[in-house]
Amino acid sequence: MTRLRLWSFTALAMIAFAANSLLCRMALKQTDVDAASFTFVRVLSGAIALGVLSRVSSPSSGPAGSWTSALALFVYAAAFSFAYLALPAGLGALLLFGAVQATMLGAGLFRRESLGSLQWIGLCAAMAGLIGLLLPGSSAPHAWASVLMLLAGAAWGVYSLRGRSSRDPLHATAGNFLRAVPLAAALSVIAVFAGHSATIDSAGIAYAGASGVLASGLGYAVWYAALRGLRSTEAAVVQLSVPVLAMLGGIAFLHESSTVGGLVASVAVLGGIAAVILGRSANRTRSVSS
């Protein structure tokens, strides 16, 4: 793959990931679809798209994935949808990716991986930024929505950690999406019994379908193709563009605003995560050279 094609695929994947936040927020804010129905349609359409892609890429491959990974995927998708009932697109994406990186970093610390000075500085900066975003005040996000998005990020972090050992990530993701379909269907039924009416309209279904087929199915396929040519540090750092793209999209398409304090806290989170990632790469380089 040429460098131009590699970075074109990477850019398309990042746009797709940011589009997930925008499509979900637009559906829940501008249409009548409820969060549980959005989740179900997104997971179902994603399963169909990924199933077709996996069959086309390797027709002879058998089922892949696991129920544990499917559960993590479902928790991510469900918490993501319900969180966007109250969160702006950009802030939601920032909390999501901050929680993803925190979960993966926490797993490394649990395995007793050491951190360098730059990584500790970055970790402290990112945590301070997240705390700043969540502090009570006139511009503070809804507490329950923030907790749900942090839960979504933690679930996606677990899903990512489990997917590291996958030999065929496209087939594994297709299998996990397929297993998550009955879980998403059960969520819709539970929501109705809990008193939340299931509301569906054509626009909401279109947004959910686009999220599942384009932003999830095709987005993941393009990302897996790009990952073959990216170093791990490049792959990690480039994902920091997603909250920025989601924030810009929220301003352009949803007329969302951002405060100076929110921007400063966002820079602290993204800069801190970048320092942790780049510090990890520097530590590995020194280990190899020594």
C-alpha atoms as a PDB file:
ATOM      1  CA  MET A   1       0.000   0.000   0.000  1.00  0.00           C
ATOM      2  CA  THR A   2       1.376   3.422  -0.972  1.00  0.00           C
ATOM      3  CA  ARG A   3       1.739   6.101   1.690  1.00  0.00           C
ATOM      4  CA  LEU A   4      -0.915   8.219  -0.031  1.00  0.00           C
ATOM      5  CA  ARG A   5      -3.397   5.358   0.039  1.00  0.00           C
ATOM      6  CA  LEU A   6      -2.421   4.479   3.599  1.00  0.00           C
ATOM      7  CA  TRP A   7      -3.077   7.946   4.946  1.00  0.00           C
ATOM      8  CA  SER A   8      -6.206   8.302   2.800  1.00  0.00           C
ATOM      9  CA  PHE A   9      -7.588   5.132   4.432  1.00  0.00           C
ATOM     10  CA  THR A  10      -6.544   6.434   7.851  1.00  0.00           C
ATOM     11  CA  ALA A  11      -8.275   9.771   7.287  1.00  0.00           C
ATOM     12  CA  LEU A  12     -11.459   8.028   6.115  1.00  0.00           C
ATOM     13  CA  ALA A  13     -11.443   5.808   9.211  1.00  0.00           C
ATOM     14  CA  MET A  14     -11.064   8.774  11.565  1.00  0.00           C
ATOM     15  CA  ILE A  15     -13.909  10.587   9.798  1.00  0.00           C
ATOM     16  CA  ALA A  16     -16.049   7.461  10.159  1.00  0.00           C
ATOM     17  CA  PHE A  17     -15.290   7.196  13.885  1.00  0.00           C
ATOM     18  CA  ALA A  18     -16.189  10.869  14.404  1.00  0.00           C
ATOM     19  CA  ALA A  19     -19.324  10.363  12.297  1.00  0.00           C
ATOM     20  CA  ASN A  20     -20.536   7.753  14.794  1.00  0.00           C
ATOM     21  CA  SER A  21     -20.783  10.474  17.434  1.00  0.00           C
ATOM     22  CA  LEU A  22     -22.427  12.931  15.068  1.00  0.00           C
ATOM     23  CA  LEU A  23     -24.948  10.446  13.661  1.00  0.00           C
ATOM     24  CA  CYS A  24     -25.977   9.261  17.123  1.00  0.00           C
ATOM     25  CA  ARG A  25     -26.343  12.788  18.485  1.00  0.00           C
ATOM     26  CA  MET A  26     -28.244  13.952  15.387  1.00  0.00           C
ATOM     27  CA  ALA A  27     -30.623  10.988  15.571  1.00  0.00           C
ATOM     28  CA  LEU A  28     -31.414  11.447  19.253  1.00  0.00           C
ATOM     29  CA  LYS A  29     -31.660  15.238  19.046  1.00  0.00           C
ATOM     30  CA  GLN A  30     -33.370  15.787  15.702  1.00  0.00           C
ATOM     31  CA  THR A  31     -35.576  12.686  15.251  1.00  0.00           C
ATOM     32  CA  ASP A  32     -38.008  10.664  17.357  1.00  0.00           C
ATOM     33  CA  VAL A  33     -35.934   7.460  17.556  1.00  0.00           C
ATOM     34  CA  ASP A  34     -35.201   6.294  21.103  1.00  0.00           C
ATOM     35  CA  ALA A  35     -31.722   5.308  22.322  1.00  0.00           C
ATOM     36  CA  ALA A  36     -32.461   1.571  22.629  1.00  0.00           C
ATOM     37  CA  SER A  37     -33.892   1.357  19.101  1.00  0.00           C
ATOM     38  CA  PHE A  38     -30.941   3.324  17.729  1.00  0.00           C
ATOM     39  CA  THR A  39     -28.575   0.871  19.400  1.00  0.00           C
ATOM     40  CA  PHE A  40     -30.403  -2.147  17.971  1.00  0.00           C
ATOM     41  CA  VAL A  41     -30.511  -0.803  14.407  1.00  0.00           C
ATOM     42  CA  ARG A  42     -26.874   0.277  14.572  1.00  0.00           C
ATOM     43  CA  VAL A  43     -25.682  -3.122  15.816  1.00  0.00           C
ATOM     44  CA  LEU A  44     -27.901  -5.057  13.393  1.00  0.00           C
ATOM     45  CA  SER A  45     -26.892  -3.016  10.343  1.00  0.00           C
ATOM     46  CA  GLY A  46     -23.246  -3.167  11.399  1.00  0.00           C
ATOM     47  CA  ALA A  47     -23.484  -6.953  11.727  1.00  0.00           C
ATOM     48  CA  ILE A  48     -24.960  -7.234   8.235  1.00  0.00           C
ATOM     49  CA  ALA A  49     -22.341  -4.946   6.668  1.00  0.00           C
ATOM     50  CA  LEU A  50     -19.422  -6.631   8.427  1.00  0.00           C
ATOM     51  CA  GLY A  51     -20.813 -10.075   7.634  1.00  0.00           C
ATOM     52  CA  VAL A  52     -20.916  -9.241   3.928  1.00  0.00           C
ATOM     53  CA  LEU A  53     -17.417  -7.725   4.012  1.00  0.00           C
ATOM     54  CA  SER A  54     -15.943 -10.705   5.847  1.00  0.00           C
ATOM     55  CA  ARG A  55     -17.559 -13.148   3.400  1.00  0.00           C
ATOM     56  CA  VAL A  56     -16.238 -11.213   0.420  1.00  0.00           C
ATOM     57  CA  SER A  57     -12.713 -10.963   1.845  1.00  0.00           C
ATOM     58  CA  SER A  58     -12.480 -14.617   2.888  1.00  0.00           C
ATOM     59  CA  PRO A  59     -15.463 -16.818   2.010  1.00  0.00           C
ATOM     60  CA  SER A  60     -13.940 -19.961   3.525  1.00  0.00           C
ATOM     61  CA  SER A  61     -13.348 -18.523   6.996  1.00  0.00           C
ATOM     62  CA  GLY A  62     -15.542 -19.813   9.800  1.00  0.00           C
ATOM     63  CA  PRO A  63     -17.208 -17.871  12.617  1.00  0.00           C
ATOM     64  CA  ALA A  64     -14.928 -15.790  14.830  1.00  0.00           C
ATOM     65  CA  GLY A  65     -15.189 -13.600  17.893  1.00  0.00           C
ATOM     66  CA  SER A  66     -16.488 -14.477  21.351  1.00  0.00           C
ATOM     67  CA  TRP A  67     -19.424 -13.779  23.641  1.00  0.00           C
ATOM     68  CA  THR A  68     -17.175 -11.925  26.098  1.00  0.00           C
ATOM     69  CA  SER A  69     -16.032  -9.509  23.404  1.00  0.00           C
ATOM     70  CA  ALA A  70     -19.614  -9.228  22.129  1.00  0.00           C
ATOM     71  CA  LEU A  71     -20.778  -8.247  25.620  1.00  0.00           C
ATOM     72  CA  ALA A  72     -18.099  -5.538  25.804  1.00  0.00           C
ATOM     73  CA  LEU A  73     -19.159  -4.321  22.347  1.00  0.00           C
ATOM     74  CA  PHE A  74     -22.816  -4.236  23.400  1.00  0.00           C
ATOM     75  CA  VAL A  75     -22.084  -2.315  26.611  1.00  0.00           C
ATOM     76  CA  TYR A  76     -20.100   0.213  24.578  1.00  0.00           C
ATOM     77  CA  ALA A  77     -22.864   0.655  21.975  1.00  0.00           C
ATOM     78  CA  ALA A  78     -25.703   0.896  24.505  1.00  0.00           C
ATOM     79  CA  ALA A  79     -23.952   3.265  26.927  1.00  0.00           C
ATOM     80  CA  PHE A  80     -22.772   5.344  23.949  1.00  0.00           C
ATOM     81  CA  SER A  81     -26.338   5.822  22.689  1.00  0.00           C
ATOM     82  CA  PHE A  82     -27.902   6.687  26.045  1.00  0.00           C
ATOM     83  CA  ALA A  83     -25.049   9.073  26.897  1.00  0.00           C
ATOM     84  CA  TYR A  84     -25.703  11.044  23.721  1.00  0.00           C
ATOM     85  CA  LEU A  85     -29.203  11.843  24.905  1.00  0.00           C
ATOM     86  CA  ALA A  86     -27.556  14.658  26.869  1.00  0.00           C
ATOM     87  CA  LEU A  87     -23.940  15.107  25.760  1.00  0.00           C
ATOM     88  CA  PRO A  88     -22.711  17.269  22.871  1.00  0.00           C
ATOM     89  CA  ALA A  89     -20.961  15.333  20.109  1.00  0.00           C
ATOM     90  CA  GLY A  90     -17.437  16.653  20.702  1.00  0.00           C
ATOM     91  CA  LEU A  91     -17.462  16.318  24.488  1.00  0.00           C
ATOM     92  CA  GLY A  92     -18.907  12.826  24.223  1.00  0.00           C
ATOM     93  CA  ALA A  93     -16.134  11.747  21.842  1.00  0.00           C
ATOM     94  CA  LEU A  94     -13.501  13.262  24.124  1.00  0.00           C
ATOM     95  CA  LEU A  95     -14.817  11.426  27.194  1.00  0.00           C
ATOM     96  CA  LEU A  96     -15.094   8.229  25.156  1.00  0.00           C
ATOM     97  CA  PHE A  97     -11.534   8.233  23.845  1.00  0.00           C
ATOM     98  CA  GLY A  98     -10.155   9.453  27.162  1.00  0.00           C
ATOM     99  CA  ALA A  99     -11.774   6.477  28.902  1.00  0.00           C
ATOM    100  CA  VAL A 100     -10.530   4.102  26.179  1.00  0.00           C
ATOM    101  CA  GLN A 101      -6.927   5.178  26.650  1.00  0.00           C
ATOM    102  CA  ALA A 102      -7.269   5.217  30.451  1.00  0.00           C
ATOM    103  CA  THR A 103      -8.594   1.652  30.419  1.00  0.00           C
ATOM    104  CA  MET A 104      -5.802   0.401  28.188  1.00  0.00           C
ATOM    105  CA  LEU A 105      -3.192   2.262  30.233  1.00  0.00           C
ATOM    106  CA  GLY A 106      -4.683   0.890  33.453  1.00  0.00           C
ATOM    107  CA  ALA A 107      -4.402  -2.627  32.054  1.00  0.00           C
ATOM    108  CA  GLY A 108      -0.733  -1.986  31.361  1.00  0.00           C
ATOM    109  CA  LEU A 109      -0.138  -0.732  34.895  1.00  0.00           C
ATOM    110  CA  PHE A 110      -1.948  -3.796  36.244  1.00  0.00           C
ATOM    111  CA  ARG A 111       0.527  -5.919  34.294  1.00  0.00           C
ATOM    112  CA  ARG A 112       3.287  -3.862  35.976  1.00  0.00           C
ATOM    113  CA  GLU A 113       4.397  -2.034  32.863  1.00  0.00           C
ATOM    114  CA  SER A 114       6.613   0.886  33.871  1.00  0.00           C
ATOM    115  CA  LEU A 115       5.930   4.509  32.914  1.00  0.00           C
ATOM    116  CA  GLY A 116       8.539   7.106  32.046  1.00  0.00           C
ATOM    117  CA  SER A 117       8.524  10.679  33.319  1.00  0.00           C
ATOM    118  CA  LEU A 118       6.860  12.015  30.144  1.00  0.00           C
ATOM    119  CA  GLN A 119       4.115   9.419  30.477  1.00  0.00           C
ATOM    120  CA  TRP A 120       3.434  10.309  34.109  1.00  0.00           C
ATOM    121  CA  ILE A 121       3.234  13.999  33.173  1.00  0.00           C
ATOM    122  CA  GLY A 122       0.862  13.161  30.339  1.00  0.00           C
ATOM    123  CA  LEU A 123      -1.269  10.957  32.596  1.00  0.00           C
ATOM    124  CA  CYS A 124      -1.600  13.709  35.203  1.00  0.00           C
ATOM    125  CA  ALA A 125      -2.449  16.298  32.521  1.00  0.00           C
ATOM    126  CA  ALA A 126      -5.114  14.066  30.979  1.00  0.00           C
ATOM    127  CA  MET A 127      -6.681  13.285  34.354  1.00  0.00           C
ATOM    128  CA  ALA A 128      -6.679  16.978  35.290  1.00  0.00           C
ATOM    129  CA  GLY A 129      -8.360  17.794  31.982  1.00  0.00           C
ATOM    130  CA  LEU A 130     -11.067  15.176  32.507  1.00  0.00           C
ATOM    131  CA  ILE A 131     -11.690  16.405  36.046  1.00  0.00           C
ATOM    132  CA  GLY A 132     -11.893  19.961  34.714  1.00  0.00           C
ATOM    133  CA  LEU A 133     -14.487  18.923  32.159  1.00  0.00           C
ATOM    134  CA  LEU A 134     -16.634  17.201  34.767  1.00  0.00           C
ATOM    135  CA  LEU A 135     -16.434  19.802  37.557  1.00  0.00           C
ATOM    136  CA  PRO A 136     -19.835  21.174  38.632  1.00  0.00           C
ATOM    137  CA  GLY A 137     -20.724  24.469  37.005  1.00  0.00           C
ATOM    138  CA  SER A 138     -22.963  26.099  34.449  1.00  0.00           C
ATOM    139  CA  SER A 139     -21.116  24.395  31.576  1.00  0.00           C
ATOM    140  CA  ALA A 140     -20.676  21.007  33.248  1.00  0.00           C
ATOM    141  CA  PRO A 141     -22.146  18.075  31.311  1.00  0.00           C
ATOM    142  CA  HIS A 142     -24.927  15.907  32.725  1.00  0.00           C
ATOM    143  CA  ALA A 143     -23.399  13.668  35.385  1.00  0.00           C
ATOM    144  CA  TRP A 144     -25.250  10.472  34.422  1.00  0.00           C
ATOM    145  CA  ALA A 145     -24.526  10.979  30.728  1.00  0.00           C
ATOM    146  CA  SER A 146     -20.837  11.519  31.473  1.00  0.00           C
ATOM    147  CA  VAL A 147     -20.720   8.348  33.565  1.00  0.00           C
ATOM    148  CA  LEU A 148     -22.379   6.404  30.755  1.00  0.00           C
ATOM    149  CA  MET A 149     -19.883   7.692  28.181  1.00  0.00           C
ATOM    150  CA  LEU A 150     -16.968   6.838  30.463  1.00  0.00           C
ATOM    151  CA  LEU A 151     -18.502   3.355  30.807  1.00  0.00           C
ATOM    152  CA  ALA A 152     -18.743   3.154  27.006  1.00  0.00           C
ATOM    153  CA  GLY A 153     -15.069   4.086  26.721  1.00  0.00           C
ATOM    154  CA  ALA A 154     -14.051   1.529  29.330  1.00  0.00           C
ATOM    155  CA  ALA A 155     -16.040  -1.174  27.493  1.00  0.00           C
ATOM    156  CA  TRP A 156     -14.432  -0.226  24.182  1.00  0.00           C
ATOM    157  CA  GLY A 157     -11.027  -0.308  25.863  1.00  0.00           C
ATOM    158  CA  VAL A 158     -11.725  -3.851  27.086  1.00  0.00           C
ATOM    159  CA  TYR A 159     -12.930  -4.793  23.603  1.00  0.00           C
ATOM    160  CA  SER A 160      -9.733  -3.347  22.076  1.00  0.00           C
ATOM    161  CA  LEU A 161      -7.511  -5.171  24.552  1.00  0.00           C
ATOM    162  CA  ARG A 162      -9.230  -8.463  23.785  1.00  0.00           C
ATOM    163  CA  GLY A 163      -8.954  -7.797  20.055  1.00  0.00           C
ATOM    164  CA  ARG A 164      -5.178  -7.325  20.143  1.00  0.00           C
ATOM    165  CA  SER A 165      -4.616 -11.070  19.935  1.00  0.00           C
ATOM    166  CA  SER A 166      -7.052 -11.571  17.061  1.00  0.00           C
ATOM    167  CA  ARG A 167      -5.459 -13.014  13.922  1.00  0.00           C
ATOM    168  CA  ASP A 168      -8.347 -11.833  11.753  1.00  0.00           C
ATOM    169  CA  PRO A 169      -9.866  -8.651  13.254  1.00  0.00           C
ATOM    170  CA  LEU A 170     -12.425  -8.189  10.469  1.00  0.00           C
ATOM    171  CA  HIS A 171     -13.959 -11.657  10.948  1.00  0.00           C
ATOM    172  CA  ALA A 172     -13.738 -11.338  14.732  1.00  0.00           C
ATOM    173  CA  THR A 173     -15.544  -7.998  14.684  1.00  0.00           C
ATOM    174  CA  ALA A 174     -18.197  -9.395  12.337  1.00  0.00           C
ATOM    175  CA  GLY A 175     -18.773 -12.314  14.728  1.00  0.00           C
ATOM    176  CA  ASN A 176     -18.896 -10.025  17.746  1.00  0.00           C
ATOM    177  CA  PHE A 177     -21.431  -7.710  16.086  1.00  0.00           C
ATOM    178  CA  LEU A 178     -23.577 -10.718  15.177  1.00  0.00           C
ATOM    179  CA  ARG A 179     -23.516 -11.948  18.795  1.00  0.00           C
ATOM    180  CA  ALA A 180     -24.383  -8.454  20.036  1.00  0.00           C
ATOM    181  CA  VAL A 181     -27.604  -8.322  17.985  1.00  0.00           C
ATOM    182  CA  PRO A 182     -29.733 -10.403  20.435  1.00  0.00           C
ATOM    183  CA  LEU A 183     -28.296  -8.386  23.334  1.00  0.00           C
ATOM    184  CA  ALA A 184     -29.368  -5.142  21.652  1.00  0.00           C
ATOM    185  CA  ALA A 185     -32.801  -6.626  20.921  1.00  0.00           C
ATOM    186  CA  ALA A 186     -33.154  -7.584  24.593  1.00  0.00           C
ATOM    187  CA  LEU A 187     -32.269  -4.013  25.575  1.00  0.00           C
ATOM    188  CA  SER A 188     -35.145  -2.688  23.469  1.00  0.00           C
ATOM    189  CA  VAL A 189     -37.576  -5.102  25.130  1.00  0.00           C
ATOM    190  CA  ILE A 190     -36.308  -4.228  28.628  1.00  0.00           C
ATOM    191  CA  ALA A 191     -36.598  -0.501  27.839  1.00  0.00           C
ATOM    192  CA  VAL A 192     -40.261  -0.940  26.894  1.00  0.00           C
ATOM    193  CA  PHE A 193     -41.041  -2.909  30.086  1.00  0.00           C
ATOM    194  CA  ALA A 194     -39.249  -0.185  32.065  1.00  0.00           C
ATOM    195  CA  GLY A 195     -41.699   2.365  30.741  1.00  0.00           C
ATOM    196  CA  HIS A 196     -39.643   3.850  27.913  1.00  0.00           C
ATOM    197  CA  SER A 197     -41.702   3.796  24.748  1.00  0.00           C
ATOM    198  CA  ALA A 198     -40.005   2.534  21.612  1.00  0.00           C
ATOM    199  CA  THR A 199     -40.214   5.294  19.029  1.00  0.00           C
ATOM    200  CA  ILE A 200     -38.937   4.827  15.491  1.00  0.00           C
ATOM    201  CA  ASP A 201     -39.074   7.115  12.484  1.00  0.00           C
ATOM    202  CA  SER A 202     -37.511   6.950   9.038  1.00  0.00           C
ATOM    203  CA  ALA A 203     -34.901   9.643   9.707  1.00  0.00           C
ATOM    204  CA  GLY A 204     -33.790   8.034  12.962  1.00  0.00           C
ATOM    205  CA  ILE A 205     -33.522   4.625  11.297  1.00  0.00           C
ATOM    206  CA  ALA A 206     -31.511   6.173   8.462  1.00  0.00           C
ATOM    207  CA  TYR A 207     -29.051   7.726  10.923  1.00  0.00           C
ATOM    208  CA  ALA A 208     -28.740   4.460  12.851  1.00  0.00           C
ATOM    209  CA  GLY A 209     -28.283   2.477   9.653  1.00  0.00           C
ATOM    210  CA  ALA A 210     -25.617   4.877   8.427  1.00  0.00           C
ATOM    211  CA  SER A 211     -23.874   4.578  11.798  1.00  0.00           C
ATOM    212  CA  GLY A 212     -23.918   0.792  11.562  1.00  0.00           C
ATOM    213  CA  VAL A 213     -23.099   0.302   7.875  1.00  0.00           C
ATOM    214  CA  LEU A 214     -20.865   3.269   7.042  1.00  0.00           C
ATOM    215  CA  ALA A 215     -19.357   4.580  10.285  1.00  0.00           C
ATOM    216  CA  SER A 216     -19.034   1.160  11.951  1.00  0.00           C
ATOM    217  CA  GLY A 217     -18.934  -1.549   9.260  1.00  0.00           C
ATOM    218  CA  LEU A 218     -17.054   0.168   6.441  1.00  0.00           C
ATOM    219  CA  GLY A 219     -15.176   2.388   8.903  1.00  0.00           C
ATOM    220  CA  TYR A 220     -13.737  -0.596  10.761  1.00  0.00           C
ATOM    221  CA  ALA A 221     -12.875  -2.364   7.475  1.00  0.00           C
ATOM    222  CA  VAL A 222     -10.940   0.663   6.226  1.00  0.00           C
ATOM    223  CA  TRP A 223      -9.239   1.026   9.602  1.00  0.00           C
ATOM    224  CA  TYR A 224      -8.083  -2.581   9.641  1.00  0.00           C
ATOM    225  CA  ALA A 225      -6.646  -2.115   6.147  1.00  0.00           C
ATOM    226  CA  ALA A 226      -4.782   1.002   7.293  1.00  0.00           C
ATOM    227  CA  LEU A 227      -3.484  -0.664  10.476  1.00  0.00           C
ATOM    228  CA  ARG A 228      -1.313  -3.011   8.408  1.00  0.00           C
ATOM    229  CA  GLY A 229       0.834  -0.056   7.364  1.00  0.00           C
ATOM    230  CA  LEU A 230       0.795   2.005  10.577  1.00  0.00           C
ATOM    231  CA  ARG A 231       3.145   1.710  13.498  1.00  0.00           C
ATOM    232  CA  SER A 232       1.391   1.221  16.827  1.00  0.00           C
ATOM    233  CA  THR A 233       2.307   4.748  17.955  1.00  0.00           C
ATOM    234  CA  GLU A 234       0.987   6.264  14.727  1.00  0.00           C
ATOM    235  CA  ALA A 235      -2.247   4.300  15.068  1.00  0.00           C
ATOM    236  CA  ALA A 236      -2.725   5.441  18.655  1.00  0.00           C
ATOM    237  CA  VAL A 237      -1.861   9.109  18.117  1.00  0.00           C
ATOM    238  CA  VAL A 238      -3.960   9.537  14.973  1.00  0.00           C
ATOM    239  CA  GLN A 239      -7.082   8.522  16.911  1.00  0.00           C
ATOM    240  CA  LEU A 240      -6.706  11.717  18.948  1.00  0.00           C
ATOM    241  CA  SER A 241      -8.096  13.510  15.904  1.00  0.00           C
ATOM    242  CA  VAL A 242     -11.525  11.898  16.413  1.00  0.00           C
ATOM    243  CA  PRO A 243     -12.736  14.122  19.303  1.00  0.00           C
ATOM    244  CA  VAL A 244     -11.520  17.193  17.400  1.00  0.00           C
ATOM    245  CA  LEU A 245     -13.378  16.127  14.250  1.00  0.00           C
ATOM    246  CA  ALA A 246     -16.494  15.350  16.293  1.00  0.00           C
ATOM    247  CA  MET A 247     -16.316  18.740  17.992  1.00  0.00           C
ATOM    248  CA  LEU A 248     -15.970  20.552  14.660  1.00  0.00           C
ATOM    249  CA  GLY A 249     -18.818  18.477  13.226  1.00  0.00           C
ATOM    250  CA  GLY A 250     -20.992  19.288  16.227  1.00  0.00           C
ATOM    251  CA  ILE A 251     -20.393  22.999  15.711  1.00  0.00           C
ATOM    252  CA  ALA A 252     -21.056  22.787  11.957  1.00  0.00           C
ATOM    253  CA  PHE A 253     -24.046  20.421  11.860  1.00  0.00           C
ATOM    254  CA  LEU A 254     -25.590  20.628  15.332  1.00  0.00           C
ATOM    255  CA  HIS A 255     -24.804  24.252  16.209  1.00  0.00           C
ATOM    256  CA  GLU A 256     -23.094  23.180  19.414  1.00  0.00           C
ATOM    257  CA  SER A 257     -20.902  25.661  21.253  1.00  0.00           C
ATOM    258  CA  SER A 258     -17.770  25.296  23.356  1.00  0.00           C
ATOM    259  CA  THR A 259     -16.450  27.356  26.263  1.00  0.00           C
ATOM    260  CA  VAL A 260     -12.854  28.508  26.699  1.00  0.00           C
ATOM    261  CA  GLY A 261     -12.552  26.336  29.798  1.00  0.00           C
ATOM    262  CA  GLY A 262     -13.843  23.344  27.887  1.00  0.00           C
ATOM    263  CA  LEU A 263     -11.329  23.904  25.102  1.00  0.00           C
ATOM    264  CA  VAL A 264      -8.456  24.210  27.589  1.00  0.00           C
ATOM    265  CA  ALA A 265      -9.526  21.016  29.352  1.00  0.00           C
ATOM    266  CA  SER A 266      -9.859  19.249  25.998  1.00  0.00           C
ATOM    267  CA  VAL A 267      -6.334  20.264  24.994  1.00  0.00           C
ATOM    268  CA  ALA A 268      -5.059  18.975  28.350  1.00  0.00           C
ATOM    269  CA  VAL A 269      -6.768  15.603  27.815  1.00  0.00           C
ATOM    270  CA  LEU A 270      -5.625  15.155  24.220  1.00  0.00           C
ATOM    271  CA  GLY A 271      -2.119  16.458  24.915  1.00  0.00           C
ATOM    272  CA  GLY A 272      -1.796  14.245  27.970  1.00  0.00           C
ATOM    273  CA  ILE A 273      -2.857  11.145  26.056  1.00  0.00           C
ATOM    274  CA  ALA A 274      -0.430  12.005  23.250  1.00  0.00           C
ATOM    275  CA  ALA A 275       2.394  12.363  25.789  1.00  0.00           C
ATOM    276  CA  VAL A 276       1.608   8.938  27.255  1.00  0.00           C
ATOM    277  CA  ILE A 277       1.586   7.330  23.806  1.00  0.00           C
ATOM    278  CA  LEU A 278       4.736   9.058  22.579  1.00  0.00           C
ATOM    279  CA  GLY A 279       6.467   8.399  25.887  1.00  0.00           C
ATOM    280  CA  ARG A 280       5.669   4.705  25.532  1.00  0.00           C
ATOM    281  CA  SER A 281       7.297   4.695  22.087  1.00  0.00           C
ATOM    282  CA  ALA A 282      10.392   6.474  23.422  1.00  0.00           C
ATOM    283  CA  ASN A 283      10.714   3.943  26.248  1.00  0.00           C
ATOM    284  CA  ARG A 284      10.558   1.057  23.795  1.00  0.00           C
ATOM    285  CA  THR A 285      13.194   2.672  21.585  1.00  0.00           C
ATOM    286  CA  ARG A 286      15.577   3.083  24.521  1.00  0.00           C
ATOM    287  CA  SER A 287      14.946  -0.514  25.606  1.00  0.00           C
ATOM    288  CA  VAL A 288      15.799  -1.833  22.149  1.00  0.00           C
ATOM    289  CA  SER A 289      18.920   0.318  21.802  1.00  0.00           C
ATOM    290  CA  SER A 290      20.222  -0.731  25.192  1.00  0.00           C
END
